[in-house]
């Protein structure tokens, strides 16, 4: 992720590097990252506006929730990858 941000919160450098590596291999993660970027762009468009109608405000909140859910899924994939990698290292060290 070029901006170093995911979901509006700073990402650790290792997370950025891990995402960059895994999106090449993991279609699900790639889709979540692409969706996240789309939601971010949509929210930026709403943020530029001075006033939102009631419907626009509801849509903005809906997008924020989708973006947050996507971030949670991305974080879950990263956590699972780290857990698997740690188990593989432990198994390798045991040999």
N, C-alpha and C. Protein backbone atom coordinates (compact mmCIF):
# COMPACT_ATOMS: atom_id res chain seq x y z
N UNK A 1 0.85 -1.15 0.00
CA UNK A 1 0.00 0.00 0.00
C UNK A 1 0.90 1.22 0.00
N UNK A 2 0.85 1.96 -1.02
CA UNK A 2 1.76 3.05 -1.23
C UNK A 2 1.69 4.15 -0.20
N UNK A 3 0.53 4.39 0.40
CA UNK A 3 0.40 5.51 1.31
C UNK A 3 0.86 5.19 2.71
N UNK A 4 1.06 3.92 2.99
CA UNK A 4 1.43 3.56 4.35
C UNK A 4 0.25 3.62 5.30
N UNK A 5 -0.94 3.60 4.74
CA UNK A 5 -2.14 3.70 5.56
C UNK A 5 -3.09 2.59 5.14
N UNK A 6 -3.78 2.09 6.11
CA UNK A 6 -4.85 1.14 5.86
C UNK A 6 -5.97 1.50 6.82
N UNK A 7 -7.09 1.87 6.28
CA UNK A 7 -8.21 2.23 7.13
C UNK A 7 -7.99 3.53 7.87
N UNK A 8 -7.13 4.41 7.36
CA UNK A 8 -6.91 5.68 8.00
C UNK A 8 -5.92 5.62 9.16
N UNK A 9 -5.44 4.44 9.49
CA UNK A 9 -4.49 4.29 10.58
C UNK A 9 -3.14 3.91 10.01
N UNK A 10 -2.07 4.43 10.61
CA UNK A 10 -0.74 4.11 10.09
C UNK A 10 -0.46 2.61 10.16
N UNK A 11 0.19 2.13 9.13
CA UNK A 11 0.57 0.72 9.11
C UNK A 11 2.05 0.61 9.44
N UNK A 12 2.38 -0.49 10.04
CA UNK A 12 3.79 -0.76 10.26
C UNK A 12 4.43 -1.12 8.93
N UNK A 13 5.68 -0.77 8.80
CA UNK A 13 6.42 -1.05 7.57
C UNK A 13 6.35 -2.53 7.21
N UNK A 14 6.44 -3.39 8.22
CA UNK A 14 6.41 -4.83 7.95
C UNK A 14 5.06 -5.26 7.40
N UNK A 15 3.97 -4.60 7.84
CA UNK A 15 2.65 -4.92 7.28
C UNK A 15 2.57 -4.53 5.82
N UNK A 16 3.08 -3.36 5.49
CA UNK A 16 3.09 -2.91 4.10
C UNK A 16 3.85 -3.89 3.22
N UNK A 17 5.01 -4.30 3.70
CA UNK A 17 5.83 -5.23 2.93
C UNK A 17 5.16 -6.59 2.80
N UNK A 18 4.53 -7.05 3.88
CA UNK A 18 3.85 -8.34 3.85
C UNK A 18 2.66 -8.30 2.88
N UNK A 19 1.89 -7.22 2.92
CA UNK A 19 0.76 -7.09 2.00
C UNK A 19 1.26 -7.07 0.56
N UNK A 20 2.30 -6.31 0.30
CA UNK A 20 2.86 -6.23 -1.06
C UNK A 20 3.28 -7.61 -1.55
N UNK A 21 3.82 -8.42 -0.66
CA UNK A 21 4.24 -9.78 -1.03
C UNK A 21 3.03 -10.69 -1.23
N UNK A 22 2.10 -10.66 -0.31
CA UNK A 22 0.99 -11.62 -0.33
C UNK A 22 -0.05 -11.33 -1.40
N UNK A 23 -0.24 -10.08 -1.80
CA UNK A 23 -1.25 -9.81 -2.83
C UNK A 23 -0.87 -10.47 -4.16
N UNK A 24 0.40 -10.77 -4.32
CA UNK A 24 0.85 -11.46 -5.54
C UNK A 24 0.40 -12.92 -5.53
N UNK A 25 0.18 -13.47 -4.33
CA UNK A 25 -0.12 -14.89 -4.19
C UNK A 25 -1.56 -15.16 -3.77
N UNK A 26 -2.19 -14.20 -3.09
CA UNK A 26 -3.48 -14.44 -2.45
C UNK A 26 -4.56 -13.59 -3.11
N UNK A 27 -5.40 -14.22 -3.91
CA UNK A 27 -6.46 -13.52 -4.63
C UNK A 27 -7.46 -12.85 -3.68
N UNK A 28 -7.77 -13.52 -2.59
CA UNK A 28 -8.71 -12.96 -1.63
C UNK A 28 -8.16 -11.68 -1.01
N UNK A 29 -6.91 -11.72 -0.59
CA UNK A 29 -6.29 -10.53 -0.02
C UNK A 29 -6.23 -9.42 -1.06
N UNK A 30 -5.88 -9.76 -2.27
CA UNK A 30 -5.81 -8.76 -3.34
C UNK A 30 -7.16 -8.08 -3.53
N UNK A 31 -8.23 -8.87 -3.51
CA UNK A 31 -9.58 -8.31 -3.66
C UNK A 31 -9.93 -7.37 -2.50
N UNK A 32 -9.60 -7.79 -1.28
CA UNK A 32 -9.88 -6.94 -0.11
C UNK A 32 -9.09 -5.63 -0.17
N UNK A 33 -7.85 -5.70 -0.59
CA UNK A 33 -7.02 -4.50 -0.69
C UNK A 33 -7.57 -3.57 -1.77
N UNK A 34 -7.98 -4.12 -2.90
CA UNK A 34 -8.57 -3.31 -3.97
C UNK A 34 -9.88 -2.66 -3.51
N UNK A 35 -10.71 -3.43 -2.82
CA UNK A 35 -11.96 -2.87 -2.29
C UNK A 35 -11.67 -1.75 -1.30
N UNK A 36 -10.67 -1.98 -0.44
CA UNK A 36 -10.31 -0.98 0.55
C UNK A 36 -9.91 0.33 -0.13
N UNK A 37 -9.12 0.23 -1.17
CA UNK A 37 -8.69 1.43 -1.91
C UNK A 37 -9.89 2.13 -2.55
N UNK A 38 -10.82 1.36 -3.09
CA UNK A 38 -12.02 1.94 -3.68
C UNK A 38 -12.84 2.68 -2.63
N UNK A 39 -13.05 2.05 -1.48
CA UNK A 39 -13.80 2.71 -0.40
C UNK A 39 -13.10 3.98 0.06
N UNK A 40 -11.78 3.93 0.13
CA UNK A 40 -11.01 5.11 0.53
C UNK A 40 -11.24 6.27 -0.44
N UNK A 41 -11.22 5.98 -1.73
CA UNK A 41 -11.46 7.01 -2.74
C UNK A 41 -12.88 7.57 -2.63
N UNK A 42 -13.84 6.69 -2.41
CA UNK A 42 -15.22 7.14 -2.27
C UNK A 42 -15.37 8.05 -1.05
N UNK A 43 -14.75 7.66 0.04
CA UNK A 43 -14.84 8.48 1.26
C UNK A 43 -14.14 9.82 1.08
N UNK A 44 -13.02 9.83 0.37
CA UNK A 44 -12.32 11.09 0.10
C UNK A 44 -13.22 12.04 -0.66
N UNK A 45 -14.01 11.52 -1.59
CA UNK A 45 -14.93 12.37 -2.36
C UNK A 45 -15.99 12.98 -1.43
N UNK A 46 -16.48 12.19 -0.50
CA UNK A 46 -17.46 12.74 0.46
C UNK A 46 -16.82 13.78 1.38
N UNK A 47 -15.57 13.54 1.77
CA UNK A 47 -14.88 14.46 2.68
C UNK A 47 -14.65 15.83 2.05
N UNK A 48 -14.54 15.89 0.74
CA UNK A 48 -14.30 17.16 0.04
C UNK A 48 -15.54 18.03 0.00
N UNK A 49 -16.68 17.44 0.23
CA UNK A 49 -17.93 18.19 0.15
C UNK A 49 -18.22 18.88 1.47
N UNK A 50 -18.75 20.10 1.39
CA UNK A 50 -19.07 20.86 2.59
C UNK A 50 -20.32 20.33 3.28
N UNK A 51 -21.31 19.94 2.49
CA UNK A 51 -22.57 19.47 3.05
C UNK A 51 -22.99 18.18 2.36
N UNK A 52 -23.55 17.28 3.16
CA UNK A 52 -24.07 16.03 2.62
C UNK A 52 -25.56 15.96 2.93
N UNK A 53 -26.31 15.43 1.98
CA UNK A 53 -27.72 15.19 2.23
C UNK A 53 -27.83 14.03 3.23
N UNK A 54 -29.02 13.80 3.74
CA UNK A 54 -29.22 12.68 4.66
C UNK A 54 -28.84 11.36 3.99
N UNK A 55 -29.22 11.20 2.73
CA UNK A 55 -28.90 9.97 2.01
C UNK A 55 -27.39 9.82 1.82
N UNK A 56 -26.74 10.93 1.49
CA UNK A 56 -25.29 10.88 1.30
C UNK A 56 -24.58 10.58 2.61
N UNK A 57 -25.08 11.13 3.69
CA UNK A 57 -24.49 10.84 5.00
C UNK A 57 -24.63 9.37 5.36
N UNK A 58 -25.80 8.80 5.05
CA UNK A 58 -26.00 7.37 5.30
C UNK A 58 -25.09 6.52 4.43
N UNK A 59 -24.94 6.92 3.17
CA UNK A 59 -24.06 6.18 2.26
C UNK A 59 -22.61 6.28 2.72
N UNK A 60 -22.20 7.43 3.18
CA UNK A 60 -20.84 7.63 3.70
C UNK A 60 -20.60 6.69 4.89
N UNK A 61 -21.53 6.62 5.81
CA UNK A 61 -21.39 5.73 6.97
C UNK A 61 -21.36 4.25 6.54
N UNK A 62 -22.17 3.91 5.54
CA UNK A 62 -22.17 2.54 5.02
C UNK A 62 -20.81 2.17 4.46
N UNK A 63 -20.23 3.09 3.69
CA UNK A 63 -18.91 2.86 3.10
C UNK A 63 -17.85 2.75 4.19
N UNK A 64 -17.94 3.59 5.22
CA UNK A 64 -16.99 3.52 6.33
C UNK A 64 -17.04 2.15 7.00
N UNK A 65 -18.24 1.62 7.18
CA UNK A 65 -18.38 0.29 7.80
C UNK A 65 -17.81 -0.80 6.91
N UNK A 66 -18.06 -0.70 5.60
CA UNK A 66 -17.50 -1.67 4.67
C UNK A 66 -15.97 -1.62 4.68
N UNK A 67 -15.44 -0.42 4.71
CA UNK A 67 -13.99 -0.23 4.71
C UNK A 67 -13.39 -0.84 5.98
N UNK A 68 -14.02 -0.59 7.12
CA UNK A 68 -13.54 -1.13 8.38
C UNK A 68 -13.62 -2.66 8.39
N UNK A 69 -14.71 -3.20 7.88
CA UNK A 69 -14.85 -4.67 7.80
C UNK A 69 -13.75 -5.25 6.91
N UNK A 70 -13.46 -4.58 5.82
CA UNK A 70 -12.40 -5.02 4.93
C UNK A 70 -11.04 -4.99 5.60
N UNK A 71 -10.82 -3.94 6.37
CA UNK A 71 -9.55 -3.84 7.10
C UNK A 71 -9.43 -5.01 8.07
N UNK A 72 -10.52 -5.31 8.75
CA UNK A 72 -10.50 -6.45 9.68
C UNK A 72 -10.17 -7.75 8.96
N UNK A 73 -10.72 -7.94 7.77
CA UNK A 73 -10.44 -9.15 7.00
C UNK A 73 -8.96 -9.18 6.57
N UNK A 74 -8.44 -8.04 6.15
CA UNK A 74 -7.03 -7.96 5.77
C UNK A 74 -6.15 -8.29 6.97
N UNK A 75 -6.45 -7.69 8.10
CA UNK A 75 -5.67 -7.97 9.31
C UNK A 75 -5.76 -9.44 9.70
N UNK A 76 -6.93 -10.05 9.50
CA UNK A 76 -7.09 -11.48 9.79
C UNK A 76 -6.22 -12.35 8.90
N UNK A 77 -6.16 -12.00 7.63
CA UNK A 77 -5.31 -12.75 6.69
C UNK A 77 -3.85 -12.62 7.08
N UNK A 78 -3.43 -11.41 7.44
CA UNK A 78 -2.04 -11.20 7.85
C UNK A 78 -1.73 -11.99 9.12
N UNK A 79 -2.65 -11.97 10.07
CA UNK A 79 -2.45 -12.71 11.33
C UNK A 79 -2.34 -14.21 11.06
N UNK A 80 -3.21 -14.73 10.20
CA UNK A 80 -3.17 -16.16 9.86
C UNK A 80 -1.85 -16.51 9.17
N UNK A 81 -1.40 -15.65 8.27
CA UNK A 81 -0.13 -15.90 7.59
C UNK A 81 1.01 -15.94 8.60
N UNK A 82 1.03 -14.97 9.52
CA UNK A 82 2.10 -14.94 10.53
C UNK A 82 2.05 -16.18 11.42
N UNK A 83 0.84 -16.59 11.81
CA UNK A 83 0.67 -17.77 12.66
C UNK A 83 1.19 -19.01 11.94
N UNK A 84 0.82 -19.17 10.68
CA UNK A 84 1.27 -20.31 9.89
C UNK A 84 2.77 -20.30 9.72
N UNK A 85 3.31 -19.12 9.43
CA UNK A 85 4.76 -19.00 9.24
C UNK A 85 5.50 -19.34 10.53
N UNK A 86 4.97 -18.89 11.67
CA UNK A 86 5.59 -19.18 12.96
C UNK A 86 5.57 -20.69 13.24
N UNK A 87 4.45 -21.34 12.93
CA UNK A 87 4.35 -22.79 13.13
C UNK A 87 5.32 -23.53 12.23
N UNK A 88 5.47 -23.07 11.00
CA UNK A 88 6.40 -23.71 10.07
C UNK A 88 7.83 -23.57 10.57
N UNK A 89 8.16 -22.40 11.09
CA UNK A 89 9.52 -22.19 11.62
C UNK A 89 9.76 -23.08 12.83
N UNK A 90 8.78 -23.20 13.71
CA UNK A 90 8.92 -24.04 14.90
C UNK A 90 9.10 -25.49 14.50
N UNK A 91 8.34 -25.94 13.50
CA UNK A 91 8.47 -27.32 13.03
C UNK A 91 9.85 -27.54 12.40
N UNK A 92 10.32 -26.56 11.66
CA UNK A 92 11.62 -26.66 11.02
C UNK A 92 12.73 -26.67 12.06
N UNK A 93 12.60 -25.86 13.09
CA UNK A 93 13.62 -25.81 14.14
C UNK A 93 13.64 -27.10 14.95
N UNK A 94 12.51 -27.79 15.03
CA UNK A 94 12.43 -29.03 15.80
C UNK A 94 13.15 -30.18 15.10
N UNK A 95 13.37 -30.02 13.81
CA UNK A 95 14.04 -31.10 13.05
C UNK A 95 15.50 -31.08 13.26
